[in-house]
């Protein structure tokens, strides 16, 4: 069952387990559509809705939701860091990401997880692209990239390069994950975006982790794109922004790469949240491909 307005009150649904997505803004969120389909597949008696919060009242809004019987929240912009700070317990994924997008309570205390990185990895693998032993390029060094580095390292790629306009920000992410990279024998480096053309090794997967796609611009100039020589024929360019063909995707398509937006990542990270809340995929198996196909139709019509 989907609740359609932005003021979610669990006490209005005493016969259901109530979950939601909290954000500002939140009206555009596709999460209720996704979780509704998961609930049908898994035969789970839940309601999932949207919860708007004033920026100043996030913590109070969360407390009220759970005190009135809410079971769990997905957290979106601009609250992921504040959700992280609310938690008494954090999963390893959340600790690595530094932000939380899945929130629930245990023994009256908040527990936080982060499924963004695992969602991205699952979506890429579902698309028949390998990460293991491949060369990965991340563009950007904000929270979106920081949140996905550890799940990528768990796939043991040959190398990960983080390219950012401000080199120091990329170097901080490298410093944060250098021990994990060493454990799996993955080369992890930071470079200035300005020096991208000097890279000799071809990239198998290129991921735009900036928000430039929202403004219909690209983090790369046309000359930078052309400087990425020797790109393998089966290379993938991925933009975390979803629901549109971004300028970055257009540039990469012109270079012969396969391109993909972040809609599949959205579905897969939601599946992780559903599994965390409802007892894991040992109890049920979610068909994310059917949900993605359904969502793609809605987004493209």
Protein backbone atom coordinates (compact mmCIF):
# COMPACT_ATOMS: atom_id res chain seq x y z
CA UNK A 1 0.00 0.00 0.00
CA UNK A 2 1.25 3.50 -0.89
CA UNK A 3 0.57 6.64 1.11
CA UNK A 4 0.53 9.60 -1.30
CA UNK A 5 0.79 12.82 0.71
CA UNK A 6 3.97 14.00 2.41
CA UNK A 7 2.81 13.77 6.06
CA UNK A 8 3.21 10.13 7.06
CA UNK A 9 1.61 9.17 10.40
CA UNK A 10 2.03 5.48 11.38
CA UNK A 11 -0.85 5.67 13.86
CA UNK A 12 -3.27 6.06 10.95
CA UNK A 13 -2.38 2.52 9.81
CA UNK A 14 -2.53 0.28 12.91
CA UNK A 15 -2.88 -2.90 10.86
CA UNK A 16 0.33 -2.33 8.85
CA UNK A 17 4.06 -1.95 9.38
CA UNK A 18 4.79 1.60 8.26
CA UNK A 19 7.96 2.71 6.46
CA UNK A 20 8.80 5.80 4.48
CA UNK A 21 11.31 8.10 2.85
CA UNK A 22 12.19 11.36 4.58
CA UNK A 23 13.58 14.31 2.70
CA UNK A 24 13.27 17.94 1.69
CA UNK A 25 11.99 17.96 -1.00
CA UNK A 26 10.38 14.51 -1.07
CA UNK A 27 7.28 14.80 -3.28
CA UNK A 28 9.21 13.62 -6.36
CA UNK A 29 10.44 10.41 -4.72
CA UNK A 30 9.92 7.12 -6.56
CA UNK A 31 10.65 5.07 -3.44
CA UNK A 32 6.99 4.38 -2.56
CA UNK A 33 6.40 2.87 -6.01
CA UNK A 34 9.46 0.66 -5.61
CA UNK A 35 8.68 -0.59 -2.11
CA UNK A 36 5.03 -1.18 -2.99
CA UNK A 37 6.13 -3.62 -5.69
CA UNK A 38 8.63 -5.29 -3.35
CA UNK A 39 5.89 -5.73 -0.73
CA UNK A 40 3.63 -7.39 -3.30
CA UNK A 41 6.43 -9.74 -4.41
CA UNK A 42 7.35 -10.72 -0.85
CA UNK A 43 3.76 -10.77 0.49
CA UNK A 44 4.62 -8.29 3.21
CA UNK A 45 1.87 -6.28 4.94
CA UNK A 46 3.49 -2.86 4.86
CA UNK A 47 2.67 0.71 3.98
CA UNK A 48 5.39 2.94 2.54
CA UNK A 49 4.97 6.69 2.17
CA UNK A 50 6.69 10.06 1.94
CA UNK A 51 7.63 12.14 4.96
CA UNK A 52 8.54 15.79 4.45
CA UNK A 53 10.64 17.48 7.10
CA UNK A 54 11.60 21.11 7.60
CA UNK A 55 15.37 21.35 7.58
CA UNK A 56 15.47 22.62 11.18
CA UNK A 57 13.17 19.86 12.47
CA UNK A 58 14.68 16.68 11.01
CA UNK A 59 15.53 15.01 14.32
CA UNK A 60 12.13 15.91 15.81
CA UNK A 61 10.33 14.58 12.71
CA UNK A 62 12.23 11.29 12.92
CA UNK A 63 11.55 10.93 16.65
CA UNK A 64 7.84 11.58 16.11
CA UNK A 65 7.63 9.02 13.29
CA UNK A 66 9.16 6.24 15.38
CA UNK A 67 7.33 7.19 18.60
CA UNK A 68 4.06 6.80 16.69
CA UNK A 69 4.94 3.27 15.60
CA UNK A 70 7.03 3.71 12.46
CA UNK A 71 9.31 0.80 11.58
CA UNK A 72 11.94 2.31 9.29
CA UNK A 73 12.95 5.27 7.11
CA UNK A 74 14.95 5.77 3.98
CA UNK A 75 16.82 9.06 4.23
CA UNK A 76 17.46 11.31 1.26
CA UNK A 77 18.85 14.83 0.75
CA UNK A 78 19.68 16.86 2.69
CA UNK A 79 19.53 14.64 5.78
CA UNK A 80 21.92 11.71 5.26
CA UNK A 81 24.70 13.11 7.44
CA UNK A 82 22.29 14.11 10.20
CA UNK A 83 20.81 10.61 10.14
CA UNK A 84 24.35 9.26 10.55
CA UNK A 85 24.82 11.46 13.63
CA UNK A 86 21.54 10.23 15.14
CA UNK A 87 22.64 6.61 15.25
CA UNK A 88 23.90 4.75 18.29
CA UNK A 89 24.83 1.83 16.02
CA UNK A 90 26.16 1.84 12.46
CA UNK A 91 26.86 -0.94 10.01
CA UNK A 92 30.32 -1.18 8.46
CA UNK A 93 28.84 0.13 5.20
CA UNK A 94 27.46 3.21 6.96
CA UNK A 95 30.72 3.85 8.81
CA UNK A 96 32.63 3.70 5.53
CA UNK A 97 30.17 5.93 3.70
CA UNK A 98 29.99 8.50 6.48
CA UNK A 99 26.26 8.95 5.80
CA UNK A 100 23.09 6.92 6.41
CA UNK A 101 20.20 6.24 4.03
CA UNK A 102 18.51 3.42 5.99
CA UNK A 103 17.26 4.05 9.51
CA UNK A 104 15.46 1.87 12.07
CA UNK A 105 15.35 1.28 15.82
CA UNK A 106 16.60 -1.52 18.04
CA UNK A 107 15.97 -1.36 21.80
CA UNK A 108 14.90 2.25 21.44
CA UNK A 109 18.13 3.32 19.75
CA UNK A 110 18.66 4.33 16.13
CA UNK A 111 20.58 2.00 13.83
CA UNK A 112 21.90 3.21 10.47
CA UNK A 113 23.00 1.53 7.26
CA UNK A 114 23.98 2.71 3.79
CA UNK A 115 22.94 0.83 0.66
CA UNK A 116 24.01 3.27 -2.07
CA UNK A 117 27.29 1.55 -2.90
CA UNK A 118 25.89 -1.96 -2.84
CA UNK A 119 22.97 -0.75 -4.98
CA UNK A 120 25.36 0.65 -7.58
CA UNK A 121 27.47 -2.53 -7.62
CA UNK A 122 24.38 -4.73 -8.02
CA UNK A 123 23.04 -2.61 -10.86
CA UNK A 124 26.31 -2.72 -12.78
CA UNK A 125 26.61 -6.48 -12.32
CA UNK A 126 22.97 -6.97 -13.34
CA UNK A 127 23.87 -5.21 -16.57
CA UNK A 128 26.49 -7.89 -17.27
CA UNK A 129 29.51 -5.66 -16.62
CA UNK A 130 32.32 -7.04 -14.48
CA UNK A 131 34.02 -5.06 -11.71
CA UNK A 132 36.48 -7.73 -10.58
CA UNK A 133 39.98 -7.12 -12.02
CA UNK A 134 38.74 -4.08 -13.98
CA UNK A 135 39.94 -0.45 -14.00
CA UNK A 136 37.39 1.92 -12.47
CA UNK A 137 37.28 5.73 -12.77
CA UNK A 138 35.18 7.81 -10.38
CA UNK A 139 34.59 11.44 -11.30
CA UNK A 140 33.98 13.55 -8.22
CA UNK A 141 34.96 13.28 -4.57
CA UNK A 142 31.80 14.16 -2.68
CA UNK A 143 29.61 12.02 -0.47
CA UNK A 144 28.20 10.04 -3.39
CA UNK A 145 31.65 8.73 -4.33
CA UNK A 146 32.81 8.24 -0.75
CA UNK A 147 29.70 6.14 -0.12
CA UNK A 148 30.43 3.63 -2.88
CA UNK A 149 34.21 3.08 -2.70
CA UNK A 150 34.11 0.26 -0.11
CA UNK A 151 31.51 -1.88 -1.96
CA UNK A 152 33.61 -1.50 -5.10
CA UNK A 153 36.76 -2.55 -3.25
CA UNK A 154 34.88 -5.64 -2.03
CA UNK A 155 34.59 -6.65 -5.71
CA UNK A 156 38.42 -6.56 -5.99
CA UNK A 157 38.92 -4.39 -9.09
CA UNK A 158 42.41 -4.02 -10.54
CA UNK A 159 42.41 -0.27 -9.91
CA UNK A 160 40.24 2.63 -8.77
CA UNK A 161 41.12 6.19 -9.77
CA UNK A 162 39.25 9.11 -8.20
CA UNK A 163 39.44 12.24 -10.36
CA UNK A 164 38.27 15.53 -8.91
CA UNK A 165 38.66 19.21 -9.67
CA UNK A 166 40.09 19.71 -6.16
CA UNK A 167 42.78 17.06 -5.78
CA UNK A 168 42.86 17.29 -1.98
CA UNK A 169 39.27 16.06 -1.64
CA UNK A 170 40.01 13.00 -3.76
CA UNK A 171 43.19 12.34 -1.76
CA UNK A 172 41.18 12.31 1.47
CA UNK A 173 39.00 9.50 0.13
CA UNK A 174 42.07 7.55 -0.94
CA UNK A 175 43.58 8.00 2.52
CA UNK A 176 40.35 6.79 4.11
CA UNK A 177 40.26 3.54 2.15
CA UNK A 178 43.92 2.78 1.50
CA UNK A 179 44.05 -0.03 4.07
CA UNK A 180 41.04 -1.82 2.53
CA UNK A 181 42.50 -1.34 -0.95
CA UNK A 182 45.76 -2.91 0.15
CA UNK A 183 43.93 -5.90 1.62
CA UNK A 184 42.37 -6.75 -1.76
CA UNK A 185 45.44 -5.76 -3.80
CA UNK A 186 43.61 -2.92 -5.59
CA UNK A 187 45.48 0.17 -6.74
CA UNK A 188 43.65 3.21 -5.31
CA UNK A 189 44.79 6.66 -6.51
CA UNK A 190 43.62 10.26 -6.67
CA UNK A 191 44.27 12.57 -9.60
CA UNK A 192 43.29 16.07 -10.56
CA UNK A 193 40.52 16.15 -13.14
CA UNK A 194 42.78 18.48 -15.13
CA UNK A 195 45.31 15.63 -15.54
CA UNK A 196 42.81 12.98 -16.61
CA UNK A 197 44.24 12.85 -20.14
CA UNK A 198 47.61 11.76 -18.79
CA UNK A 199 46.28 8.39 -17.60
CA UNK A 200 47.79 5.59 -19.67
CA UNK A 201 45.71 2.61 -18.56
CA UNK A 202 42.24 2.36 -20.16
CA UNK A 203 39.18 2.51 -17.90
CA UNK A 204 36.59 -0.26 -18.09
CA UNK A 205 33.94 1.59 -16.04
CA UNK A 206 33.64 5.38 -15.77
CA UNK A 207 31.23 6.68 -13.13
CA UNK A 208 30.02 10.25 -12.78
CA UNK A 209 29.51 10.73 -9.05
CA UNK A 210 28.89 14.48 -9.30
CA UNK A 211 25.48 16.14 -9.46
CA UNK A 212 26.23 17.88 -12.77
CA UNK A 213 23.61 15.81 -14.57
CA UNK A 214 20.88 17.58 -12.60
CA UNK A 215 21.89 20.85 -14.28
CA UNK A 216 22.41 19.33 -17.74
CA UNK A 217 26.14 19.94 -17.76
CA UNK A 218 29.05 17.50 -17.70
CA UNK A 219 32.01 17.28 -15.32
CA UNK A 220 34.20 16.66 -18.41
CA UNK A 221 34.97 18.92 -21.32
CA UNK A 222 34.78 17.42 -24.80
CA UNK A 223 38.59 17.49 -25.01
CA UNK A 224 38.87 15.58 -21.71
CA UNK A 225 36.49 12.94 -23.03
CA UNK A 226 38.53 12.57 -26.20
CA UNK A 227 41.73 12.28 -24.14
CA UNK A 228 40.43 9.02 -22.65
CA UNK A 229 42.17 6.97 -25.29
CA UNK A 230 42.18 3.20 -25.69
CA UNK A 231 38.80 2.73 -24.02
CA UNK A 232 37.85 -0.96 -24.26
CA UNK A 233 35.01 -1.85 -26.61
CA UNK A 234 32.94 -3.18 -23.69
CA UNK A 235 33.42 -0.13 -21.44
CA UNK A 236 30.56 1.36 -19.44
CA UNK A 237 29.84 4.99 -18.58
CA UNK A 238 27.47 5.36 -15.62
CA UNK A 239 25.79 8.52 -14.31
CA UNK A 240 24.33 8.33 -10.81
CA UNK A 241 21.63 10.84 -11.81
CA UNK A 242 18.52 8.99 -12.98
CA UNK A 243 15.58 9.60 -15.27
CA UNK A 244 17.40 11.40 -18.07
CA UNK A 245 20.16 11.04 -20.62
CA UNK A 246 22.71 13.45 -19.20
CA UNK A 247 25.32 15.43 -21.13
CA UNK A 248 27.98 13.13 -19.66
CA UNK A 249 26.14 10.10 -21.01
CA UNK A 250 25.78 11.75 -24.43
CA UNK A 251 29.51 12.48 -24.53
CA UNK A 252 30.39 8.91 -23.68
CA UNK A 253 27.89 7.46 -26.13
CA UNK A 254 29.57 9.46 -28.89
CA UNK A 255 32.84 7.75 -27.95
CA UNK A 256 31.22 4.33 -28.40
CA UNK A 257 30.68 3.44 -24.74
CA UNK A 258 27.61 1.78 -23.31
CA UNK A 259 25.82 4.24 -21.02
CA UNK A 260 23.52 3.82 -18.04
CA UNK A 261 21.76 6.18 -15.64
CA UNK A 262 21.20 5.67 -11.91
CA UNK A 263 17.63 4.36 -11.96
CA UNK A 264 18.79 0.78 -11.46
CA UNK A 265 20.95 1.91 -8.56
CA UNK A 266 17.86 3.49 -6.98
CA UNK A 267 15.93 0.21 -7.27
CA UNK A 268 18.80 -1.94 -6.01
CA UNK A 269 19.59 0.24 -2.99
CA UNK A 270 15.87 0.14 -2.13
CA UNK A 271 15.99 -3.66 -2.32
CA UNK A 272 18.82 -3.69 0.20
CA UNK A 273 16.76 -1.52 2.57
CA UNK A 274 13.72 -3.80 2.15
CA UNK A 275 15.85 -6.86 2.92
CA UNK A 276 17.38 -5.21 6.00
CA UNK A 277 13.98 -4.23 7.38
CA UNK A 278 12.03 -7.39 6.52
CA UNK A 279 14.47 -10.13 7.42
CA UNK A 280 16.82 -10.52 4.49
CA UNK A 281 16.62 -12.39 1.20
CA UNK A 282 16.62 -15.72 3.06
CA UNK A 283 12.86 -15.18 3.56
CA UNK A 284 12.06 -14.00 0.04
CA UNK A 285 13.69 -13.17 -3.29
CA UNK A 286 13.02 -9.78 -4.84
CA UNK A 287 12.84 -9.44 -8.62
CA UNK A 288 14.42 -6.02 -9.09
CA UNK A 289 14.48 -6.32 -12.88
CA UNK A 290 10.66 -6.33 -13.06
CA UNK A 291 10.52 -3.29 -10.78
CA UNK A 292 13.15 -1.48 -12.86
CA UNK A 293 11.27 -2.18 -16.08
CA UNK A 294 8.05 -0.86 -14.55
CA UNK A 295 9.78 2.25 -13.25
CA UNK A 296 11.52 2.92 -16.56
CA UNK A 297 8.15 3.05 -18.27
CA UNK A 298 6.85 5.63 -15.81
CA UNK A 299 10.00 7.77 -15.99
CA UNK A 300 10.12 7.76 -19.80
CA UNK A 301 6.44 8.49 -20.43
